Amino acid sequence: MQFSNNLLRLGTESAFEVLARAQSMISRGRDIINLGIGQPDFKTADHIVEAGVQALRDGHHGYTSANGILPLREAVSEDFLNRHNVEISPENIIIMPGGKPTMFFSILMFGAKNSEIMYPNPGFPIYESLINYTGAKPIPITLKEELNFSFKADEVLEKINDKTSLIIINSPGNPTGGVIPKHEIEKLVKGLESYPKVTILSDEIYSRLLYGDQKHISLLEFPSIRSRLIVLNGWSKTYAMTGWRLGYSVWPNALLEYANRLCVNNHSCVNTASQYAGIAALKGPQTVVNEMLLEFDKRRKFIISALNDIPGISCKEPGGAFYVFPNIKNTGFSSQQAQDDFLEFSGVAAISGTSFGKMGEGYIRFSYANSLDKIEDAMERIKKLLLK
């Protein structure tokens, strides 16, 4: 076969590989605790499920417009106005089958052989994978443990040159749970005003999952970059709707037609019933989100304390999402060895830090999207393994 060499540069998402391995072990009778996959362990709320079912009963079985049904785009616009006091026209909103298509489309638009795309490292692995696929040069924005896995805006701005076409920002972040402080966001935005040809993709999928006094700052709150800003968000994490495949993105006018064309060429439109469920999620009671967040916070506090009690492991307190990214350098394990041994000998699925980029060596990701009892059991198993 004469396939494109681009395929050889395409990476993957290791969490799904670890999930498959864990499920295989479970099928053979092993007792496995899964702290690897990044999805809430809660059910989608009943009123959301019922809205999707009712849409099917009402005959919503066909195609919709490529950018999504207008009532859903209006609901997104209203929700954003209520939470951020920022007006977004429904015409600039595109409903997507999850979050990844927005990443794919954005990186395809700006990735080329002689361009550079900046992305967080350690960061969501699909960023670097797709940058490599397009032939662009990936330029890491190093997220530092001593900064609670954030960055200094000045260091990011220093890396921009005439080849920089796109900068990807993710806050709260996967895999670290790190939140970029408001003052660094403001400094970054101010600096980007000097680089009008650089486009920004802001991945805000975890924006509702914040703890303590953390507040989400959307880049859409800054008018000076709105004309070249793409924002990614959706329902998967906030409303425990990962399998519904429902996300949205906000596009500047200059890119809107191209984004719609990519939708038509790629997936035609998003599942119709899922879109009606999305309306119910945004317009219905938000107690389900608050209750889930409170439970995540309990787990977060426990797992941080438990990890810091294990010899050789230290763990910073993440400000958002549902991940911890502890430092395991003093265990003597590499990240990959820790992933493999934790699963094989402790029955705990976690993800190697190197799955999220080279800067992830010496770290491992645990998702606390599992019950408190399971998390407690998992920490005891790992502690026992490391004390041998």
Protein backbone atom coordinates (compact mmCIF):
# COMPACT_ATOMS: atom_id res chain seq x y z
CA MET A 1 0.00 0.00 0.00
CA GLN A 2 1.19 3.51 -0.78
CA PHE A 3 -0.15 5.45 2.18
CA SER A 4 0.82 8.95 3.23
CA ASN A 5 3.92 9.33 5.37
CA ASN A 6 1.85 11.61 7.60
CA LEU A 7 0.37 8.46 9.16
CA LEU A 8 3.78 7.48 10.50
CA ARG A 9 3.88 10.69 12.53
CA LEU A 10 0.46 10.18 14.10
CA GLY A 11 0.52 9.33 17.80
CA THR A 12 -2.20 8.02 20.08
CA GLU A 13 -3.78 8.46 23.50
CA SER A 14 -2.24 5.97 25.90
CA ALA A 15 -5.15 6.13 28.34
CA PHE A 16 -7.22 4.04 25.94
CA GLU A 17 -4.40 1.51 25.52
CA VAL A 18 -4.11 1.14 29.30
CA LEU A 19 -7.91 0.87 29.54
CA ALA A 20 -7.91 -1.99 27.01
CA ARG A 21 -5.14 -3.77 28.91
CA ALA A 22 -6.93 -3.31 32.22
CA GLN A 23 -10.19 -4.62 30.78
CA SER A 24 -8.38 -7.64 29.38
CA MET A 25 -6.93 -8.38 32.81
CA ILE A 26 -10.38 -8.00 34.40
CA SER A 27 -11.80 -10.48 31.88
CA ARG A 28 -9.16 -12.97 33.05
CA GLY A 29 -10.27 -12.57 36.66
CA ARG A 30 -7.85 -9.90 37.91
CA ASP A 31 -9.06 -7.30 40.41
CA ILE A 32 -8.14 -4.01 38.71
CA ILE A 33 -8.81 -0.49 39.98
CA ASN A 34 -8.93 1.92 37.06
CA LEU A 35 -7.46 5.34 37.84
CA GLY A 36 -6.31 5.76 34.26
CA ILE A 37 -9.22 6.85 32.09
CA GLY A 38 -10.32 10.48 32.16
CA GLN A 39 -14.07 10.28 32.41
CA PRO A 40 -16.46 10.93 35.29
CA ASP A 41 -17.74 7.77 36.99
CA PHE A 42 -21.16 9.37 37.42
CA LYS A 43 -24.20 8.63 35.26
CA THR A 44 -25.58 11.32 33.01
CA ALA A 45 -28.39 13.05 34.92
CA ASP A 46 -31.88 11.64 34.36
CA HIS A 47 -33.35 14.84 32.93
CA ILE A 48 -30.59 14.95 30.29
CA VAL A 49 -31.09 11.31 29.35
CA GLU A 50 -34.84 11.83 29.12
CA ALA A 51 -34.35 14.82 26.79
CA GLY A 52 -32.31 12.66 24.43
CA VAL A 53 -34.89 9.85 24.55
CA GLN A 54 -37.73 12.31 24.01
CA ALA A 55 -35.95 13.75 20.98
CA LEU A 56 -35.93 10.29 19.44
CA ARG A 57 -39.59 9.76 20.30
CA ASP A 58 -40.40 13.13 18.71
CA GLY A 59 -38.84 12.01 15.45
CA HIS A 60 -35.53 13.88 15.54
CA HIS A 61 -33.79 11.16 13.55
CA GLY A 62 -32.28 13.03 10.64
CA TYR A 63 -29.43 15.33 9.71
CA THR A 64 -29.09 18.78 11.19
CA SER A 65 -27.11 21.71 9.90
CA ALA A 66 -23.36 21.14 10.08
CA ASN A 67 -22.88 23.74 12.79
CA GLY A 68 -25.62 22.29 15.02
CA ILE A 69 -29.24 23.11 15.78
CA LEU A 70 -29.92 26.77 16.54
CA PRO A 71 -31.61 26.19 19.94
CA LEU A 72 -28.46 24.46 21.20
CA ARG A 73 -26.16 27.18 19.90
CA GLU A 74 -28.42 29.76 21.53
CA ALA A 75 -28.27 27.81 24.79
CA VAL A 76 -24.45 27.81 24.65
CA SER A 77 -24.45 31.55 24.00
CA GLU A 78 -26.80 32.18 26.93
CA ASP A 79 -24.79 29.94 29.25
CA PHE A 80 -21.56 31.74 28.40
CA LEU A 81 -23.17 35.12 28.96
CA ASN A 82 -24.44 34.02 32.37
CA ARG A 83 -21.11 32.59 33.51
CA HIS A 84 -18.64 35.06 31.96
CA ASN A 85 -20.70 38.13 31.03
CA VAL A 86 -19.40 37.76 27.47
CA GLU A 87 -21.67 37.86 24.43
CA ILE A 88 -21.08 35.26 21.73
CA SER A 89 -23.20 35.14 18.62
CA PRO A 90 -24.76 31.71 18.01
CA GLU A 91 -23.42 32.08 14.45
CA ASN A 92 -19.86 31.79 15.81
CA ILE A 93 -20.63 28.59 17.70
CA ILE A 94 -20.19 25.19 16.08
CA ILE A 95 -21.47 22.03 17.76
CA MET A 96 -18.93 19.21 17.49
CA PRO A 97 -18.88 15.45 18.16
CA GLY A 98 -16.71 15.89 21.25
CA GLY A 99 -13.66 18.04 21.83
CA LYS A 100 -11.08 16.44 19.55
CA PRO A 101 -12.54 17.64 16.22
CA THR A 102 -11.93 21.24 17.30
CA MET A 103 -8.30 20.38 18.03
CA PHE A 104 -8.00 18.54 14.73
CA PHE A 105 -9.54 21.31 12.65
CA SER A 106 -7.55 24.07 14.35
CA ILE A 107 -4.23 22.28 13.97
CA LEU A 108 -5.01 21.30 10.36
CA MET A 109 -5.72 24.93 9.56
CA PHE A 110 -2.42 26.19 10.94
CA GLY A 111 -0.09 23.22 10.70
CA ALA A 112 2.27 23.17 7.72
CA LYS A 113 5.81 22.10 6.98
CA ASN A 114 7.40 25.47 7.70
CA SER A 115 5.20 26.51 10.63
CA GLU A 116 5.54 26.09 14.38
CA ILE A 117 2.76 25.34 16.83
CA MET A 118 3.21 25.85 20.56
CA TYR A 119 1.47 23.46 22.94
CA PRO A 120 1.55 22.54 26.66
CA ASN A 121 3.96 19.81 27.74
CA PRO A 122 3.13 17.75 29.71
CA GLY A 123 -0.20 18.10 27.98
CA PHE A 124 -3.02 16.27 26.28
CA PRO A 125 -1.20 13.91 23.87
CA ILE A 126 -3.41 14.62 20.87
CA TYR A 127 -1.98 18.15 20.56
CA GLU A 128 1.54 16.95 19.77
CA SER A 129 0.27 14.01 17.73
CA LEU A 130 -1.74 16.22 15.37
CA ILE A 131 0.99 18.84 15.12
CA ASN A 132 3.40 16.13 13.98
CA TYR A 133 0.78 14.77 11.58
CA THR A 134 0.50 18.10 9.77
CA GLY A 135 4.27 18.42 9.39
CA ALA A 136 4.48 21.50 11.60
CA LYS A 137 7.16 21.73 14.27
CA PRO A 138 5.85 21.22 17.81
CA ILE A 139 7.25 23.78 20.27
CA PRO A 140 6.59 22.78 23.89
CA ILE A 141 5.33 25.22 26.50
CA THR A 142 6.87 23.63 29.58
CA LEU A 143 4.48 23.33 32.51
CA LYS A 144 6.58 23.39 35.66
CA GLU A 145 5.84 21.57 38.89
CA GLU A 146 7.22 24.47 40.95
CA LEU A 147 4.60 26.69 39.27
CA ASN A 148 1.80 24.18 40.04
CA PHE A 149 2.07 23.08 36.42
CA SER A 150 1.56 26.51 34.94
CA PHE A 151 3.98 28.72 33.00
CA LYS A 152 5.51 32.16 32.98
CA ALA A 153 3.94 34.23 30.20
CA ASP A 154 7.27 35.91 29.43
CA GLU A 155 8.86 32.52 28.68
CA VAL A 156 6.03 31.66 26.29
CA LEU A 157 6.24 34.98 24.48
CA GLU A 158 10.01 34.61 24.05
CA LYS A 159 9.46 31.49 21.92
CA ILE A 160 7.26 33.23 19.36
CA ASN A 161 8.86 33.92 15.98
CA ASP A 162 7.75 34.50 12.41
CA LYS A 163 7.03 30.78 11.98
CA THR A 164 4.64 30.59 14.94
CA SER A 165 1.15 30.03 13.57
CA LEU A 166 -0.82 28.71 16.57
CA ILE A 167 -0.53 28.62 20.37
CA ILE A 168 -2.53 26.05 22.34
CA ILE A 169 -3.54 26.84 25.93
CA ASN A 170 -5.30 24.38 28.25
CA SER A 171 -6.54 25.50 31.67
CA PRO A 172 -7.47 23.67 33.82
CA GLY A 173 -5.08 21.20 32.26
CA ASN A 174 -4.89 17.53 31.47
CA PRO A 175 -2.86 15.64 32.81
CA THR A 176 -1.82 17.91 35.66
CA GLY A 177 -4.99 19.63 36.86
CA GLY A 178 -2.94 22.84 36.74
CA VAL A 179 -4.67 26.21 36.46
CA ILE A 180 -2.97 29.18 34.82
CA PRO A 181 -3.11 32.16 37.22
CA LYS A 182 -5.09 35.19 36.11
CA HIS A 183 -2.04 37.47 36.12
CA GLU A 184 -0.14 35.15 33.76
CA ILE A 185 -3.13 34.93 31.40
CA GLU A 186 -3.39 38.73 31.37
CA LYS A 187 0.34 39.09 30.72
CA LEU A 188 0.19 36.50 27.92
CA VAL A 189 -2.77 38.21 26.24
CA LYS A 190 -1.09 41.59 26.49
CA GLY A 191 2.07 40.17 24.93
CA LEU A 192 0.13 38.47 22.14
CA GLU A 193 -1.15 41.86 21.04
CA SER A 194 2.33 42.37 19.55
CA TYR A 195 1.93 39.21 17.43
CA PRO A 196 -1.28 39.76 15.43
CA LYS A 197 -0.59 36.86 13.04
CA VAL A 198 -0.55 34.24 15.80
CA THR A 199 -3.84 32.38 16.36
CA ILE A 200 -4.79 30.96 19.76
CA LEU A 201 -6.65 27.75 20.60
CA SER A 202 -7.95 27.76 24.17
CA ASP A 203 -9.00 24.32 25.40
CA GLU A 204 -11.46 25.05 28.22
CA ILE A 205 -13.11 21.63 28.50
CA TYR A 206 -12.49 21.49 32.29
CA SER A 207 -13.62 25.06 32.95
CA ARG A 208 -16.45 24.06 35.32
CA LEU A 209 -14.26 21.69 37.34
CA LEU A 210 -12.40 24.05 39.68
CA TYR A 211 -11.73 23.83 43.43
CA GLY A 212 -11.37 26.21 46.35
CA ASP A 213 -11.09 29.83 45.30
CA GLN A 214 -10.04 29.05 41.73
CA LYS A 215 -11.96 31.00 39.07
CA HIS A 216 -11.99 30.19 35.37
CA ILE A 217 -10.74 32.93 33.10
CA SER A 218 -11.90 32.32 29.54
CA LEU A 219 -9.76 33.86 26.83
CA LEU A 220 -13.00 35.07 25.26
CA GLU A 221 -13.02 37.69 28.01
CA PHE A 222 -10.19 39.54 26.23
CA PRO A 223 -11.46 41.59 23.24
CA SER A 224 -7.94 42.25 21.88
CA ILE A 225 -7.53 38.62 20.73
CA ARG A 226 -11.15 37.68 19.90
CA SER A 227 -10.57 38.03 16.14
CA ARG A 228 -8.01 35.18 16.19
CA LEU A 229 -9.21 33.04 19.07
CA ILE A 230 -10.72 29.54 18.90
CA VAL A 231 -12.28 28.17 22.10
CA LEU A 232 -12.97 24.49 22.77
CA ASN A 233 -15.53 23.34 25.32
CA GLY A 234 -18.27 20.78 25.72
CA TRP A 235 -20.44 18.54 27.85
CA SER A 236 -18.30 15.42 28.34
CA LYS A 237 -16.58 16.29 31.60
CA THR A 238 -18.99 18.77 33.18
CA TYR A 239 -22.14 16.71 32.69
CA ALA A 240 -20.68 13.16 32.63
CA MET A 241 -21.60 12.84 28.94
CA THR A 242 -18.41 11.36 27.45
CA GLY A 243 -20.26 8.75 25.38
CA TRP A 244 -22.77 11.24 23.97
CA ARG A 245 -19.96 12.76 21.86
CA LEU A 246 -21.01 16.35 22.23
CA GLY A 247 -18.79 19.41 22.28
CA TYR A 248 -18.74 22.94 20.98
CA SER A 249 -16.27 25.49 19.73
CA VAL A 250 -16.30 29.24 19.24
CA TRP A 251 -14.68 30.52 16.05
CA PRO A 252 -13.67 33.98 14.89
CA ASN A 253 -15.38 35.29 11.77
CA ALA A 254 -12.28 34.79 9.60
CA LEU A 255 -12.25 31.03 10.25
CA LEU A 256 -15.95 30.27 10.54
CA GLU A 257 -16.58 29.27 6.92
CA TYR A 258 -13.55 26.98 6.87
CA ALA A 259 -14.53 25.32 10.13
CA ASN A 260 -18.03 24.66 8.78
CA ARG A 261 -16.57 23.20 5.60
CA LEU A 262 -14.41 20.84 7.63
CA CYS A 263 -17.53 19.72 9.50
CA VAL A 264 -19.30 18.98 6.23
CA ASN A 265 -16.31 17.06 4.90
CA ASN A 266 -15.65 15.19 8.13
CA HIS A 267 -18.83 14.29 10.04
CA SER A 268 -21.74 16.09 8.30
CA CYS A 269 -23.38 16.93 11.64
CA VAL A 270 -23.56 15.87 15.27
CA ASN A 271 -25.96 13.20 16.53
CA THR A 272 -29.35 14.93 16.66
CA ALA A 273 -30.68 13.42 19.89
CA SER A 274 -27.43 14.29 21.68
CA GLN A 275 -27.94 17.92 20.75
CA TYR A 276 -31.34 18.02 22.43
CA ALA A 277 -29.79 16.39 25.49
CA GLY A 278 -27.20 19.17 25.44
CA ILE A 279 -29.94 21.80 25.67
CA ALA A 280 -31.38 20.05 28.72
CA ALA A 281 -27.95 19.96 30.34
CA LEU A 282 -27.37 23.70 29.95
CA LYS A 283 -30.89 24.84 30.75
CA GLY A 284 -31.74 22.28 33.43
CA PRO A 285 -30.75 22.17 37.11
CA GLN A 286 -27.03 22.61 37.70
CA THR A 287 -27.14 20.81 41.04
CA VAL A 288 -25.82 17.70 39.30
CA VAL A 289 -22.64 19.57 38.36
CA ASN A 290 -22.22 21.00 41.85
CA GLU A 291 -22.77 17.64 43.53
CA MET A 292 -20.25 15.95 41.24
CA LEU A 293 -17.72 18.70 41.92
CA LEU A 294 -18.12 18.34 45.69
CA GLU A 295 -17.49 14.60 45.43
CA PHE A 296 -14.46 15.14 43.20
CA ASP A 297 -13.09 17.60 45.75
CA LYS A 298 -13.34 15.01 48.55
CA ARG A 299 -11.46 12.52 46.41
CA ARG A 300 -8.92 15.12 45.37
CA LYS A 301 -8.06 15.99 48.96
CA PHE A 302 -7.80 12.33 49.92
CA ILE A 303 -5.60 11.22 47.05
CA ILE A 304 -3.20 14.16 47.51
CA SER A 305 -2.78 13.30 51.18
CA ALA A 306 -2.42 9.58 50.47
CA LEU A 307 0.18 10.08 47.72
CA ASN A 308 2.25 12.40 49.89
CA ASP A 309 2.25 9.67 52.54
CA ILE A 310 3.86 7.14 50.17
CA PRO A 311 7.69 7.04 50.33
CA GLY A 312 9.29 8.46 47.18
CA ILE A 313 6.14 10.23 45.94
CA SER A 314 5.22 13.89 46.26
CA CYS A 315 2.07 15.49 44.90
CA LYS A 316 1.11 19.10 44.28
CA GLU A 317 -2.48 20.20 44.82
CA PRO A 318 -4.26 20.53 41.45
CA GLY A 319 -6.67 23.42 41.08
CA GLY A 320 -8.98 21.83 38.54
CA ALA A 321 -10.07 18.83 36.42
CA PHE A 322 -10.00 15.38 38.10
CA TYR A 323 -6.34 14.40 37.83
CA VAL A 324 -3.27 14.42 40.04
CA PHE A 325 0.21 14.31 38.54
CA PRO A 326 2.55 13.23 41.34
CA ASN A 327 6.33 13.33 41.17
CA ILE A 328 7.70 9.75 41.41
CA LYS A 329 11.39 10.49 40.77
CA ASN A 330 12.47 9.39 44.23
CA THR A 331 10.90 5.94 43.82
CA GLY A 332 13.61 4.94 41.35
CA PHE A 333 10.91 4.07 38.79
CA SER A 334 10.71 5.58 35.34
CA SER A 335 7.24 6.77 34.42
CA GLN A 336 6.69 3.84 32.06
CA GLN A 337 7.93 1.33 34.63
CA ALA A 338 5.61 2.80 37.24
CA GLN A 339 2.65 2.53 34.86
CA ASP A 340 3.47 -1.10 34.03
CA ASP A 341 4.32 -2.25 37.56
CA PHE A 342 1.40 -0.50 39.21
CA LEU A 343 -0.93 -2.33 36.84
CA GLU A 344 0.80 -5.70 36.81
CA PHE A 345 1.74 -6.05 40.47
CA SER A 346 -0.73 -3.76 42.27
CA GLY A 347 -3.74 -3.99 39.97
CA VAL A 348 -3.93 -0.20 39.64
CA ALA A 349 -4.29 1.40 36.20
CA ALA A 350 -2.54 4.78 35.88
CA ILE A 351 -0.91 6.61 32.96
CA SER A 352 2.80 7.23 32.48
CA GLY A 353 3.76 10.89 32.53
CA THR A 354 5.65 10.40 29.27
CA SER A 355 2.34 9.66 27.55
CA PHE A 356 1.79 13.42 27.85
CA GLY A 357 5.15 14.47 26.43
CA LYS A 358 8.85 14.32 27.28
CA MET A 359 8.38 16.76 30.13
CA GLY A 360 6.22 14.14 31.85
CA GLU A 361 9.14 11.87 32.70
CA GLY A 362 9.30 11.35 36.44
CA TYR A 363 5.55 11.75 36.88
CA ILE A 364 2.44 9.59 36.59
CA ARG A 365 -1.21 10.55 36.17
CA PHE A 366 -3.99 9.27 38.37
CA SER A 367 -7.61 10.11 37.64
CA TYR A 368 -9.75 10.39 40.75
CA ALA A 369 -12.90 9.80 38.72
CA ASN A 370 -13.51 6.66 40.75
CA SER A 371 -15.08 5.97 44.14
CA LEU A 372 -13.34 7.05 47.34
CA ASP A 373 -13.21 3.42 48.49
CA LYS A 374 -11.48 2.36 45.27
CA ILE A 375 -9.02 5.24 45.46
CA GLU A 376 -8.17 4.37 49.07
CA ASP A 377 -7.63 0.72 48.11
CA ALA A 378 -5.45 1.76 45.14
CA MET A 379 -3.21 3.96 47.28
CA GLU A 380 -2.73 1.15 49.81
CA ARG A 381 -1.76 -1.25 47.04
CA ILE A 382 0.80 1.16 45.59
CA LYS A 383 2.22 1.93 49.02
CA LYS A 384 2.62 -1.78 49.71
CA LEU A 385 4.41 -2.29 46.38
CA LEU A 386 6.85 0.57 46.96
CA LEU A 387 7.62 -0.53 50.54
CA LYS A 388 8.71 -4.01 49.44
